[in-house]
Amino acid sequence: MEWLGYYNYWVFAVLLMTGFYAVIARGNLIKKLIGLSIFQSAVFLMYITMNNVEGGTAPIIKPGAIDQLYSNPLPQVLILTAIVVGVSTLALGLAIVVRIKDTYGSIEEHEVFEADTQP
């Protein structure tokens, strides 16, 4: 039952595959963007899980504190930056989907492709 201790990694794998499936298998552009967002959330979870330090404290050095175990704040900073980039990417994707809807009248991938390839 040791594998149950790695439930964060199991959740990561399930979210990653769910997001990947939504991006690959769905034809609706909004569903593809939601799948991309789920995929990004899985990557965020992986980075945060890997940074977990048992018994680690914030990296604030106090006078007289020797042999303290500190957590590295860099992964959290990178994830915050990635969240901002992810939200910006999602907003841009939604704006593009709105323009596609206005131009082609649909957000289904196959309908847009058919309308674009007709003479």
PDB file of N, CA and C in Angstrom:
ATOM      1  N   MET A   1       0.812  -1.200   0.000  1.00  0.00           N
ATOM      2  CA  MET A   1       0.000   0.000   0.000  1.00  0.00           C
ATOM      3  C   MET A   1       0.859   1.269   0.000  1.00  0.00           C
ATOM      4  N   GLU A   2       2.129   1.100  -0.282  1.00  0.00           N
ATOM      5  CA  GLU A   2       3.022   2.251  -0.311  1.00  0.00           C
ATOM      6  C   GLU A   2       2.665   3.227  -1.423  1.00  0.00           C
ATOM      7  N   TRP A   3       2.084   2.727  -2.521  1.00  0.00           N
ATOM      8  CA  TRP A   3       1.751   3.580  -3.651  1.00  0.00           C
ATOM      9  C   TRP A   3       0.654   4.579  -3.322  1.00  0.00           C
ATOM     10  N   LEU A   4      -0.115   4.344  -2.244  1.00  0.00           N
ATOM     11  CA  LEU A   4      -1.150   5.301  -1.851  1.00  0.00           C
ATOM     12  C   LEU A   4      -0.543   6.598  -1.312  1.00  0.00           C
ATOM     13  N   GLY A   5       0.688   6.540  -0.851  1.00  0.00           N
ATOM     14  CA  GLY A   5       1.369   7.740  -0.358  1.00  0.00           C
ATOM     15  C   GLY A   5       1.693   8.731  -1.458  1.00  0.00           C
ATOM     16  N   TYR A   6       1.588   8.291  -2.686  1.00  0.00           N
ATOM     17  CA  TYR A   6       1.894   9.149  -3.826  1.00  0.00           C
ATOM     18  C   TYR A   6       0.622   9.624  -4.521  1.00  0.00           C
ATOM     19  N   TYR A   7      -0.421   9.903  -3.760  1.00  0.00           N
ATOM     20  CA  TYR A   7      -1.702  10.276  -4.371  1.00  0.00           C
ATOM     21  C   TYR A   7      -1.601  11.578  -5.158  1.00  0.00           C
ATOM     22  N   ASN A   8      -0.704  12.493  -4.764  1.00  0.00           N
ATOM     23  CA  ASN A   8      -0.545  13.736  -5.535  1.00  0.00           C
ATOM     24  C   ASN A   8      -0.097  13.442  -6.959  1.00  0.00           C
ATOM     25  N   TYR A   9       0.773  12.458  -7.104  1.00  0.00           N
ATOM     26  CA  TYR A   9       1.260  12.102  -8.433  1.00  0.00           C
ATOM     27  C   TYR A   9       0.170  11.404  -9.245  1.00  0.00           C
ATOM     28  N   TRP A  10      -0.672  10.626  -8.571  1.00  0.00           N
ATOM     29  CA  TRP A  10      -1.798   9.997  -9.255  1.00  0.00           C
ATOM     30  C   TRP A  10      -2.780  11.056  -9.742  1.00  0.00           C
ATOM     31  N   VAL A  11      -3.062  12.041  -8.905  1.00  0.00           N
ATOM     32  CA  VAL A  11      -3.964  13.134  -9.309  1.00  0.00           C
ATOM     33  C   VAL A  11      -3.351  13.907 -10.466  1.00  0.00           C
ATOM     34  N   PHE A  12      -2.041  14.143 -10.385  1.00  0.00           N
ATOM     35  CA  PHE A  12      -1.335  14.823 -11.468  1.00  0.00           C
ATOM     36  C   PHE A  12      -1.501  14.063 -12.781  1.00  0.00           C
ATOM     37  N   ALA A  13      -1.285  12.742 -12.735  1.00  0.00           N
ATOM     38  CA  ALA A  13      -1.375  11.940 -13.959  1.00  0.00           C
ATOM     39  C   ALA A  13      -2.797  11.938 -14.524  1.00  0.00           C
ATOM     40  N   VAL A  14      -3.792  11.826 -13.661  1.00  0.00           N
ATOM     41  CA  VAL A  14      -5.181  11.818 -14.127  1.00  0.00           C
ATOM     42  C   VAL A  14      -5.554  13.175 -14.738  1.00  0.00           C
ATOM     43  N   LEU A  15      -5.185  14.266 -14.071  1.00  0.00           N
ATOM     44  CA  LEU A  15      -5.479  15.598 -14.620  1.00  0.00           C
ATOM     45  C   LEU A  15      -4.753  15.829 -15.938  1.00  0.00           C
ATOM     46  N   LEU A  16      -3.509  15.393 -16.005  1.00  0.00           N
ATOM     47  CA  LEU A  16      -2.730  15.577 -17.223  1.00  0.00           C
ATOM     48  C   LEU A  16      -3.365  14.841 -18.395  1.00  0.00           C
ATOM     49  N   MET A  17      -3.748  13.598 -18.180  1.00  0.00           N
ATOM     50  CA  MET A  17      -4.356  12.818 -19.254  1.00  0.00           C
ATOM     51  C   MET A  17      -5.763  13.325 -19.611  1.00  0.00           C
ATOM     52  N   THR A  18      -6.499  13.814 -18.612  1.00  0.00           N
ATOM     53  CA  THR A  18      -7.818  14.386 -18.886  1.00  0.00           C
ATOM     54  C   THR A  18      -7.696  15.636 -19.751  1.00  0.00           C
ATOM     55  N   GLY A  19      -6.785  16.514 -19.386  1.00  0.00           N
ATOM     56  CA  GLY A  19      -6.570  17.724 -20.176  1.00  0.00           C
ATOM     57  C   GLY A  19      -6.061  17.415 -21.568  1.00  0.00           C
ATOM     58  N   PHE A  20      -5.143  16.456 -21.672  1.00  0.00           N
ATOM     59  CA  PHE A  20      -4.604  16.062 -22.975  1.00  0.00           C
ATOM     60  C   PHE A  20      -5.697  15.469 -23.855  1.00  0.00           C
ATOM     61  N   TYR A  21      -6.553  14.638 -23.265  1.00  0.00           N
ATOM     62  CA  TYR A  21      -7.662  14.047 -24.019  1.00  0.00           C
ATOM     63  C   TYR A  21      -8.621  15.128 -24.515  1.00  0.00           C
ATOM     64  N   ALA A  22      -8.916  16.104 -23.662  1.00  0.00           N
ATOM     65  CA  ALA A  22      -9.835  17.166 -24.064  1.00  0.00           C
ATOM     66  C   ALA A  22      -9.257  17.999 -25.216  1.00  0.00           C
ATOM     67  N   VAL A  23      -7.969  18.229 -25.199  1.00  0.00           N
ATOM     68  CA  VAL A  23      -7.350  19.019 -26.270  1.00  0.00           C
ATOM     69  C   VAL A  23      -7.331  18.234 -27.577  1.00  0.00           C
ATOM     70  N   ILE A  24      -7.045  16.947 -27.499  1.00  0.00           N
ATOM     71  CA  ILE A  24      -6.903  16.144 -28.711  1.00  0.00           C
ATOM     72  C   ILE A  24      -8.252  15.690 -29.274  1.00  0.00           C
ATOM     73  N   ALA A  25      -9.155  15.227 -28.425  1.00  0.00           N
ATOM     74  CA  ALA A  25     -10.360  14.532 -28.900  1.00  0.00           C
ATOM     75  C   ALA A  25     -11.566  15.434 -29.149  1.00  0.00           C
ATOM     76  N   ARG A  26     -11.606  16.597 -28.566  1.00  0.00           N
ATOM     77  CA  ARG A  26     -12.784  17.452 -28.696  1.00  0.00           C
ATOM     78  C   ARG A  26     -12.655  18.372 -29.903  1.00  0.00           C
ATOM     79  N   GLY A  27     -13.800  18.649 -30.546  1.00  0.00           N
ATOM     80  CA  GLY A  27     -13.813  19.539 -31.700  1.00  0.00           C
ATOM     81  C   GLY A  27     -14.246  20.949 -31.362  1.00  0.00           C
ATOM     82  N   ASN A  28     -14.857  21.126 -30.208  1.00  0.00           N
ATOM     83  CA  ASN A  28     -15.317  22.441 -29.777  1.00  0.00           C
ATOM     84  C   ASN A  28     -14.113  23.231 -29.259  1.00  0.00           C
ATOM     85  N   LEU A  29     -13.931  24.439 -29.742  1.00  0.00           N
ATOM     86  CA  LEU A  29     -12.755  25.220 -29.376  1.00  0.00           C
ATOM     87  C   LEU A  29     -12.757  25.633 -27.902  1.00  0.00           C
ATOM     88  N   ILE A  30     -13.927  25.870 -27.326  1.00  0.00           N
ATOM     89  CA  ILE A  30     -14.002  26.210 -25.902  1.00  0.00           C
ATOM     90  C   ILE A  30     -13.577  25.012 -25.059  1.00  0.00           C
ATOM     91  N   LYS A  31     -14.015  23.817 -25.437  1.00  0.00           N
ATOM     92  CA  LYS A  31     -13.626  22.612 -24.711  1.00  0.00           C
ATOM     93  C   LYS A  31     -12.130  22.359 -24.821  1.00  0.00           C
ATOM     94  N   LYS A  32     -11.555  22.705 -25.962  1.00  0.00           N
ATOM     95  CA  LYS A  32     -10.104  22.582 -26.117  1.00  0.00           C
ATOM     96  C   LYS A  32      -9.379  23.532 -25.160  1.00  0.00           C
ATOM     97  N   LEU A  33      -9.887  24.750 -25.011  1.00  0.00           N
ATOM     98  CA  LEU A  33      -9.271  25.703 -24.085  1.00  0.00           C
ATOM     99  C   LEU A  33      -9.419  25.248 -22.632  1.00  0.00           C
ATOM    100  N   ILE A  34     -10.552  24.664 -22.291  1.00  0.00           N
ATOM    101  CA  ILE A  34     -10.738  24.131 -20.939  1.00  0.00           C
ATOM    102  C   ILE A  34      -9.764  22.977 -20.702  1.00  0.00           C
ATOM    103  N   GLY A  35      -9.586  22.111 -21.705  1.00  0.00           N
ATOM    104  CA  GLY A  35      -8.619  21.021 -21.591  1.00  0.00           C
ATOM    105  C   GLY A  35      -7.203  21.533 -21.410  1.00  0.00           C
ATOM    106  N   LEU A  36      -6.858  22.595 -22.121  1.00  0.00           N
ATOM    107  CA  LEU A  36      -5.539  23.194 -21.963  1.00  0.00           C
ATOM    108  C   LEU A  36      -5.353  23.751 -20.555  1.00  0.00           C
ATOM    109  N   SER A  37      -6.400  24.342 -20.010  1.00  0.00           N
ATOM    110  CA  SER A  37      -6.345  24.869 -18.648  1.00  0.00           C
ATOM    111  C   SER A  37      -6.179  23.742 -17.625  1.00  0.00           C
ATOM    112  N   ILE A  38      -6.869  22.629 -17.822  1.00  0.00           N
ATOM    113  CA  ILE A  38      -6.717  21.472 -16.930  1.00  0.00           C
ATOM    114  C   ILE A  38      -5.299  20.921 -17.033  1.00  0.00           C
ATOM    115  N   PHE A  39      -4.772  20.863 -18.229  1.00  0.00           N
ATOM    116  CA  PHE A  39      -3.402  20.393 -18.451  1.00  0.00           C
ATOM    117  C   PHE A  39      -2.403  21.281 -17.703  1.00  0.00           C
ATOM    118  N   GLN A  40      -2.582  22.596 -17.793  1.00  0.00           N
ATOM    119  CA  GLN A  40      -1.704  23.520 -17.084  1.00  0.00           C
ATOM    120  C   GLN A  40      -1.824  23.352 -15.578  1.00  0.00           C
ATOM    121  N   SER A  41      -3.030  23.143 -15.079  1.00  0.00           N
ATOM    122  CA  SER A  41      -3.223  22.944 -13.642  1.00  0.00           C
ATOM    123  C   SER A  41      -2.507  21.690 -13.164  1.00  0.00           C
ATOM    124  N   ALA A  42      -2.485  20.650 -13.986  1.00  0.00           N
ATOM    125  CA  ALA A  42      -1.761  19.431 -13.616  1.00  0.00           C
ATOM    126  C   ALA A  42      -0.264  19.701 -13.500  1.00  0.00           C
ATOM    127  N   VAL A  43       0.268  20.482 -14.408  1.00  0.00           N
ATOM    128  CA  VAL A  43       1.696  20.817 -14.339  1.00  0.00           C
ATOM    129  C   VAL A  43       1.992  21.653 -13.091  1.00  0.00           C
ATOM    130  N   PHE A  44       1.099  22.577 -12.750  1.00  0.00           N
ATOM    131  CA  PHE A  44       1.280  23.360 -11.532  1.00  0.00           C
ATOM    132  C   PHE A  44       1.297  22.451 -10.310  1.00  0.00           C
ATOM    133  N   LEU A  45       0.382  21.501 -10.255  1.00  0.00           N
ATOM    134  CA  LEU A  45       0.316  20.561  -9.136  1.00  0.00           C
ATOM    135  C   LEU A  45       1.609  19.755  -9.027  1.00  0.00           C
ATOM    136  N   MET A  46       2.154  19.331 -10.162  1.00  0.00           N
ATOM    137  CA  MET A  46       3.390  18.563 -10.133  1.00  0.00           C
ATOM    138  C   MET A  46       4.545  19.376  -9.543  1.00  0.00           C
ATOM    139  N   TYR A  47       4.691  20.616  -9.975  1.00  0.00           N
ATOM    140  CA  TYR A  47       5.772  21.446  -9.459  1.00  0.00           C
ATOM    141  C   TYR A  47       5.616  21.707  -7.964  1.00  0.00           C
ATOM    142  N   ILE A  48       4.408  21.987  -7.535  1.00  0.00           N
ATOM    143  CA  ILE A  48       4.178  22.269  -6.121  1.00  0.00           C
ATOM    144  C   ILE A  48       4.402  21.015  -5.287  1.00  0.00           C
ATOM    145  N   THR A  49       3.986  19.857  -5.780  1.00  0.00           N
ATOM    146  CA  THR A  49       4.180  18.603  -5.060  1.00  0.00           C
ATOM    147  C   THR A  49       5.654  18.267  -4.933  1.00  0.00           C
ATOM    148  N   MET A  50       6.415  18.499  -5.972  1.00  0.00           N
ATOM    149  CA  MET A  50       7.842  18.173  -5.926  1.00  0.00           C
ATOM    150  C   MET A  50       8.607  19.080  -4.965  1.00  0.00           C
ATOM    151  N   ASN A  51       8.084  20.244  -4.659  1.00  0.00           N
ATOM    152  CA  ASN A  51       8.776  21.179  -3.780  1.00  0.00           C
ATOM    153  C   ASN A  51       8.500  20.905  -2.302  1.00  0.00           C
ATOM    154  N   ASN A  52       7.612  20.002  -1.984  1.00  0.00           N
ATOM    155  CA  ASN A  52       7.260  19.737  -0.594  1.00  0.00           C
ATOM    156  C   ASN A  52       8.469  19.202   0.170  1.00  0.00           C
ATOM    157  N   VAL A  53       8.855  19.886   1.257  1.00  0.00           N
ATOM    158  CA  VAL A  53       9.972  19.469   2.094  1.00  0.00           C
ATOM    159  C   VAL A  53       9.425  19.140   3.473  1.00  0.00           C
ATOM    160  N   GLU A  54       9.612  17.907   3.906  1.00  0.00           N
ATOM    161  CA  GLU A  54       9.141  17.493   5.228  1.00  0.00           C
ATOM    162  C   GLU A  54       9.919  18.241   6.309  1.00  0.00           C
ATOM    163  N   GLY A  55       9.213  18.961   7.150  1.00  0.00           N
ATOM    164  CA  GLY A  55       9.846  19.693   8.239  1.00  0.00           C
ATOM    165  C   GLY A  55      10.511  20.991   7.822  1.00  0.00           C
ATOM    166  N   GLY A  56      10.323  21.386   6.577  1.00  0.00           N
ATOM    167  CA  GLY A  56      10.935  22.613   6.084  1.00  0.00           C
ATOM    168  C   GLY A  56      10.161  23.839   6.531  1.00  0.00           C
ATOM    169  N   THR A  57      10.873  24.931   6.740  1.00  0.00           N
ATOM    170  CA  THR A  57      10.263  26.191   7.131  1.00  0.00           C
ATOM    171  C   THR A  57      10.534  27.239   6.063  1.00  0.00           C
ATOM    172  N   ALA A  58       9.928  28.393   6.242  1.00  0.00           N
ATOM    173  CA  ALA A  58      10.163  29.503   5.319  1.00  0.00           C
ATOM    174  C   ALA A  58      11.624  29.915   5.397  1.00  0.00           C
ATOM    175  N   PRO A  59      12.211  30.323   4.280  1.00  0.00           N
ATOM    176  CA  PRO A  59      13.634  30.667   4.276  1.00  0.00           C
ATOM    177  C   PRO A  59      13.920  32.039   4.888  1.00  0.00           C
ATOM    178  N   ILE A  60      13.543  32.195   6.139  1.00  0.00           N
ATOM    179  CA  ILE A  60      13.839  33.413   6.888  1.00  0.00           C
ATOM    180  C   ILE A  60      14.856  33.028   7.961  1.00  0.00           C
ATOM    181  N   ILE A  61      16.061  33.511   7.806  1.00  0.00           N
ATOM    182  CA  ILE A  61      17.137  33.112   8.706  1.00  0.00           C
ATOM    183  C   ILE A  61      17.075  33.965   9.963  1.00  0.00           C
ATOM    184  N   LYS A  62      16.970  33.276  11.094  1.00  0.00           N
ATOM    185  CA  LYS A  62      16.912  33.949  12.397  1.00  0.00           C
ATOM    186  C   LYS A  62      18.263  33.814  13.083  1.00  0.00           C
ATOM    187  N   PRO A  63      18.630  34.799  13.880  1.00  0.00           N
ATOM    188  CA  PRO A  63      19.905  34.688  14.596  1.00  0.00           C
ATOM    189  C   PRO A  63      19.890  33.489  15.547  1.00  0.00           C
ATOM    190  N   GLY A  64      20.937  32.713  15.490  1.00  0.00           N
ATOM    191  CA  GLY A  64      21.053  31.560  16.376  1.00  0.00           C
ATOM    192  C   GLY A  64      20.425  30.305  15.830  1.00  0.00           C
ATOM    193  N   ALA A  65      19.757  30.381  14.709  1.00  0.00           N
ATOM    194  CA  ALA A  65      19.132  29.195  14.136  1.00  0.00           C
ATOM    195  C   ALA A  65      20.144  28.476  13.258  1.00  0.00           C
ATOM    196  N   ILE A  66      20.605  27.347  13.745  1.00  0.00           N
ATOM    197  CA  ILE A  66      21.601  26.561  13.015  1.00  0.00           C
ATOM    198  C   ILE A  66      20.961  25.231  12.627  1.00  0.00           C
ATOM    199  N   ASP A  67      21.334  24.734  11.482  1.00  0.00           N
ATOM    200  CA  ASP A  67      20.863  23.445  10.981  1.00  0.00           C
ATOM    201  C   ASP A  67      19.350  23.426  10.774  1.00  0.00           C
ATOM    202  N   GLN A  68      18.797  24.518  10.283  1.00  0.00           N
ATOM    203  CA  GLN A  68      17.389  24.554   9.940  1.00  0.00           C
ATOM    204  C   GLN A  68      17.201  24.008   8.523  1.00  0.00           C
ATOM    205  N   LEU A  69      16.097  23.354   8.290  1.00  0.00           N
ATOM    206  CA  LEU A  69      15.755  22.863   6.972  1.00  0.00           C
ATOM    207  C   LEU A  69      14.781  23.856   6.340  1.00  0.00           C
ATOM    208  N   TYR A  70      15.182  24.434   5.217  1.00  0.00           N
ATOM    209  CA  TYR A  70      14.376  25.466   4.573  1.00  0.00           C
ATOM    210  C   TYR A  70      13.764  24.946   3.276  1.00  0.00           C
ATOM    211  N   SER A  71      12.585  25.466   2.977  1.00  0.00           N
ATOM    212  CA  SER A  71      11.941  25.181   1.693  1.00  0.00           C
ATOM    213  C   SER A  71      12.416  26.195   0.668  1.00  0.00           C
ATOM    214  N   ASN A  72      12.567  25.755  -0.553  1.00  0.00           N
ATOM    215  CA  ASN A  72      12.990  26.640  -1.624  1.00  0.00           C
ATOM    216  C   ASN A  72      11.776  27.395  -2.161  1.00  0.00           C
ATOM    217  N   PRO A  73      11.788  28.739  -2.157  1.00  0.00           N
ATOM    218  CA  PRO A  73      10.620  29.486  -2.638  1.00  0.00           C
ATOM    219  C   PRO A  73      10.559  29.631  -4.158  1.00  0.00           C
ATOM    220  N   LEU A  74      11.593  29.229  -4.869  1.00  0.00           N
ATOM    221  CA  LEU A  74      11.632  29.427  -6.313  1.00  0.00           C
ATOM    222  C   LEU A  74      10.498  28.716  -7.065  1.00  0.00           C
ATOM    223  N   PRO A  75      10.164  27.456  -6.759  1.00  0.00           N
ATOM    224  CA  PRO A  75       9.054  26.828  -7.492  1.00  0.00           C
ATOM    225  C   PRO A  75       7.721  27.572  -7.321  1.00  0.00           C
ATOM    226  N   GLN A  76       7.433  28.091  -6.131  1.00  0.00           N
ATOM    227  CA  GLN A  76       6.188  28.844  -5.952  1.00  0.00           C
ATOM    228  C   GLN A  76       6.187  30.114  -6.792  1.00  0.00           C
ATOM    229  N   VAL A  77       7.324  30.772  -6.865  1.00  0.00           N
ATOM    230  CA  VAL A  77       7.425  31.983  -7.672  1.00  0.00           C
ATOM    231  C   VAL A  77       7.221  31.652  -9.150  1.00  0.00           C
ATOM    232  N   LEU A  78       7.819  30.567  -9.592  1.00  0.00           N
ATOM    233  CA  LEU A  78       7.649  30.159 -10.990  1.00  0.00           C
ATOM    234  C   LEU A  78       6.204  29.788 -11.291  1.00  0.00           C
ATOM    235  N   ILE A  79       5.539  29.139 -10.340  1.00  0.00           N
ATOM    236  CA  ILE A  79       4.144  28.766 -10.548  1.00  0.00           C
ATOM    237  C   ILE A  79       3.256  30.004 -10.592  1.00  0.00           C
ATOM    238  N   LEU A  80       3.516  30.987  -9.733  1.00  0.00           N
ATOM    239  CA  LEU A  80       2.735  32.228  -9.798  1.00  0.00           C
ATOM    240  C   LEU A  80       2.880  32.893 -11.156  1.00  0.00           C
ATOM    241  N   THR A  81       4.101  32.916 -11.674  1.00  0.00           N
ATOM    242  CA  THR A  81       4.326  33.476 -13.000  1.00  0.00           C
ATOM    243  C   THR A  81       3.604  32.655 -14.062  1.00  0.00           C
ATOM    244  N   ALA A  82       3.664  31.335 -13.939  1.00  0.00           N
ATOM    245  CA  ALA A  82       2.994  30.468 -14.908  1.00  0.00           C
ATOM    246  C   ALA A  82       1.476  30.629 -14.856  1.00  0.00           C
ATOM    247  N   ILE A  83       0.924  30.868 -13.670  1.00  0.00           N
ATOM    248  CA  ILE A  83      -0.521  31.092 -13.555  1.00  0.00           C
ATOM    249  C   ILE A  83      -0.922  32.364 -14.300  1.00  0.00           C
ATOM    250  N   VAL A  84      -0.137  33.416 -14.146  1.00  0.00           N
ATOM    251  CA  VAL A  84      -0.427  34.673 -14.848  1.00  0.00           C
ATOM    252  C   VAL A  84      -0.341  34.465 -16.360  1.00  0.00           C
ATOM    253  N   VAL A  85       0.687  33.755 -16.813  1.00  0.00           N
ATOM    254  CA  VAL A  85       0.825  33.483 -18.242  1.00  0.00           C
ATOM    255  C   VAL A  85      -0.327  32.602 -18.730  1.00  0.00           C
ATOM    256  N   GLY A  86      -0.733  31.613 -17.915  1.00  0.00           N
ATOM    257  CA  GLY A  86      -1.845  30.742 -18.285  1.00  0.00           C
ATOM    258  C   GLY A  86      -3.158  31.483 -18.410  1.00  0.00           C
ATOM    259  N   VAL A  87      -3.426  32.396 -17.485  1.00  0.00           N
ATOM    260  CA  VAL A  87      -4.661  33.189 -17.550  1.00  0.00           C
ATOM    261  C   VAL A  87      -4.633  34.103 -18.776  1.00  0.00           C
ATOM    262  N   SER A  88      -3.482  34.679 -19.058  1.00  0.00           N
ATOM    263  CA  SER A  88      -3.358  35.540 -20.239  1.00  0.00           C
ATOM    264  C   SER A  88      -3.556  34.739 -21.524  1.00  0.00           C
ATOM    265  N   THR A  89      -2.987  33.547 -21.571  1.00  0.00           N
ATOM    266  CA  THR A  89      -3.144  32.686 -22.741  1.00  0.00           C
ATOM    267  C   THR A  89      -4.599  32.278 -22.920  1.00  0.00           C
ATOM    268  N   LEU A  90      -5.265  31.942 -21.828  1.00  0.00           N
ATOM    269  CA  LEU A  90      -6.679  31.572 -21.896  1.00  0.00           C
ATOM    270  C   LEU A  90      -7.529  32.747 -22.374  1.00  0.00           C
ATOM    271  N   ALA A  91      -7.242  33.948 -21.876  1.00  0.00           N
ATOM    272  CA  ALA A  91      -7.992  35.128 -22.304  1.00  0.00           C
ATOM    273  C   ALA A  91      -7.782  35.400 -23.795  1.00  0.00           C
ATOM    274  N   LEU A  92      -6.556  35.270 -24.267  1.00  0.00           N
ATOM    275  CA  LEU A  92      -6.274  35.454 -25.686  1.00  0.00           C
ATOM    276  C   LEU A  92      -6.971  34.388 -26.520  1.00  0.00           C
ATOM    277  N   GLY A  93      -6.942  33.146 -26.049  1.00  0.00           N
ATOM    278  CA  GLY A  93      -7.628  32.071 -26.756  1.00  0.00           C
ATOM    279  C   GLY A  93      -9.117  32.308 -26.841  1.00  0.00           C
ATOM    280  N   LEU A  94      -9.724  32.768 -25.754  1.00  0.00           N
ATOM    281  CA  LEU A  94     -11.156  33.069 -25.770  1.00  0.00           C
ATOM    282  C   LEU A  94     -11.473  34.220 -26.723  1.00  0.00           C
ATOM    283  N   ALA A  95     -10.602  35.227 -26.767  1.00  0.00           N
ATOM    284  CA  ALA A  95     -10.808  36.338 -27.703  1.00  0.00           C
ATOM    285  C   ALA A  95     -10.725  35.859 -29.147  1.00  0.00           C
ATOM    286  N   ILE A  96      -9.802  34.949 -29.416  1.00  0.00           N
ATOM    287  CA  ILE A  96      -9.690  34.396 -30.772  1.00  0.00           C
ATOM    288  C   ILE A  96     -10.923  33.565 -31.118  1.00  0.00           C
ATOM    289  N   VAL A  97     -11.437  32.808 -30.144  1.00  0.00           N
ATOM    290  CA  VAL A  97     -12.645  32.016 -30.383  1.00  0.00           C
ATOM    291  C   VAL A  97     -13.838  32.930 -30.684  1.00  0.00           C
ATOM    292  N   VAL A  98     -13.933  34.056 -30.008  1.00  0.00           N
ATOM    293  CA  VAL A  98     -15.011  35.012 -30.287  1.00  0.00           C
ATOM    294  C   VAL A  98     -14.890  35.534 -31.719  1.00  0.00           C
ATOM    295  N   ARG A  99     -13.677  35.831 -32.146  1.00  0.00           N
ATOM    296  CA  ARG A  99     -13.475  36.307 -33.528  1.00  0.00           C
ATOM    297  C   ARG A  99     -13.804  35.214 -34.548  1.00  0.00           C
ATOM    298  N   ILE A 100     -13.444  33.973 -34.228  1.00  0.00           N
ATOM    299  CA  ILE A 100     -13.777  32.852 -35.115  1.00  0.00           C
ATOM    300  C   ILE A 100     -15.286  32.683 -35.199  1.00  0.00           C
ATOM    301  N   LYS A 101     -15.977  32.813 -34.073  1.00  0.00           N
ATOM    302  CA  LYS A 101     -17.445  32.707 -34.059  1.00  0.00           C
ATOM    303  C   LYS A 101     -18.071  33.806 -34.910  1.00  0.00           C
ATOM    304  N   ASP A 102     -17.539  35.025 -34.800  1.00  0.00           N
ATOM    305  CA  ASP A 102     -18.064  36.127 -35.605  1.00  0.00           C
ATOM    306  C   ASP A 102     -17.815  35.910 -37.097  1.00  0.00           C
ATOM    307  N   THR A 103     -16.667  35.367 -37.444  1.00  0.00           N
ATOM    308  CA  THR A 103     -16.305  35.199 -38.851  1.00  0.00           C
ATOM    309  C   THR A 103     -16.983  33.993 -39.489  1.00  0.00           C
ATOM    310  N   TYR A 104     -16.945  32.847 -38.814  1.00  0.00           N
ATOM    311  CA  TYR A 104     -17.432  31.602 -39.412  1.00  0.00           C
ATOM    312  C   TYR A 104     -18.805  31.171 -38.909  1.00  0.00           C
ATOM    313  N   GLY A 105     -19.283  31.756 -37.827  1.00  0.00           N
ATOM    314  CA  GLY A 105     -20.590  31.401 -37.303  1.00  0.00           C
ATOM    315  C   GLY A 105     -20.621  30.136 -36.479  1.00  0.00           C
ATOM    316  N   SER A 106     -19.471  29.574 -36.160  1.00  0.00           N
ATOM    317  CA  SER A 106     -19.409  28.338 -35.384  1.00  0.00           C
ATOM    318  C   SER A 106     -18.078  28.285 -34.629  1.00  0.00           C
ATOM    319  N   ILE A 107     -18.067  27.499 -33.541  1.00  0.00           N
ATOM    320  CA  ILE A 107     -16.817  27.267 -32.822  1.00  0.00           C
ATOM    321  C   ILE A 107     -16.438  25.792 -32.865  1.00  0.00           C
ATOM    322  N   GLU A 108     -17.098  25.036 -33.737  1.00  0.00           N
ATOM    323  CA  GLU A 108     -16.735  23.637 -33.946  1.00  0.00           C
ATOM    324  C   GLU A 108     -15.604  23.578 -34.969  1.00  0.00           C
ATOM    325  N   GLU A 109     -14.570  22.845 -34.639  1.00  0.00           N
ATOM    326  CA  GLU A 109     -13.357  22.823 -35.452  1.00  0.00           C
ATOM    327  C   GLU A 109     -13.615  22.329 -36.878  1.00  0.00           C
ATOM    328  N   HIS A 110     -14.380  21.279 -37.032  1.00  0.00           N
ATOM    329  CA  HIS A 110     -14.621  20.736 -38.372  1.00  0.00           C
ATOM    330  C   HIS A 110     -15.467  21.680 -39.224  1.00  0.00           C
ATOM    331  N   GLU A 111     -16.409  22.396 -38.630  1.00  0.00           N
ATOM    332  CA  GLU A 111     -17.228  23.348 -39.389  1.00  0.00           C
ATOM    333  C   GLU A 111     -16.399  24.546 -39.853  1.00  0.00           C
ATOM    334  N   VAL A 112     -15.502  25.009 -39.002  1.00  0.00           N
ATOM    335  CA  VAL A 112     -14.620  26.117 -39.384  1.00  0.00           C
ATOM    336  C   VAL A 112     -13.688  25.671 -40.496  1.00  0.00           C
ATOM    337  N   PHE A 113     -13.155  24.447 -40.395  1.00  0.00           N
ATOM    338  CA  PHE A 113     -12.267  23.929 -41.442  1.00  0.00           C
ATOM    339  C   PHE A 113     -12.997  23.785 -42.759  1.00  0.00           C
ATOM    340  N   GLU A 114     -14.237  23.256 -42.719  1.00  0.00           N
ATOM    341  CA  GLU A 114     -15.007  23.103 -43.958  1.00  0.00           C
ATOM    342  C   GLU A 114     -15.330  24.454 -44.582  1.00  0.00           C
ATOM    343  N   ALA A 115     -15.699  25.439 -43.760  1.00  0.00           N
ATOM    344  CA  ALA A 115     -16.017  26.764 -44.286  1.00  0.00           C
ATOM    345  C   ALA A 115     -14.779  27.440 -44.856  1.00  0.00           C
ATOM    346  N   ASP A 116     -13.634  27.147 -44.313  1.00  0.00           N
ATOM    347  CA  ASP A 116     -12.408  27.778 -44.762  1.00  0.00           C
ATOM    348  C   ASP A 116     -11.870  27.137 -46.041  1.00  0.00           C
ATOM    349  N   THR A 117     -12.176  25.867 -46.266  1.00  0.00           N
ATOM    350  CA  THR A 117     -11.651  25.185 -47.450  1.00  0.00           C
ATOM    351  C   THR A 117     -12.581  25.254 -48.647  1.00  0.00           C
ATOM    352  N   GLN A 118     -13.815  25.716 -48.463  1.00  0.00           N
ATOM    353  CA  GLN A 118     -14.732  25.830 -49.595  1.00  0.00           C
ATOM    354  C   GLN A 118     -14.349  27.032 -50.450  1.00  0.00           C
ATOM    355  N   PRO A 119     -14.458  26.864 -51.788  1.00  0.00           N
ATOM    356  CA  PRO A 119     -14.080  27.992 -52.675  1.00  0.00           C
ATOM    357  C   PRO A 119     -15.057  29.136 -52.643  1.00  0.00           C
TER     358      PRO A 119
END
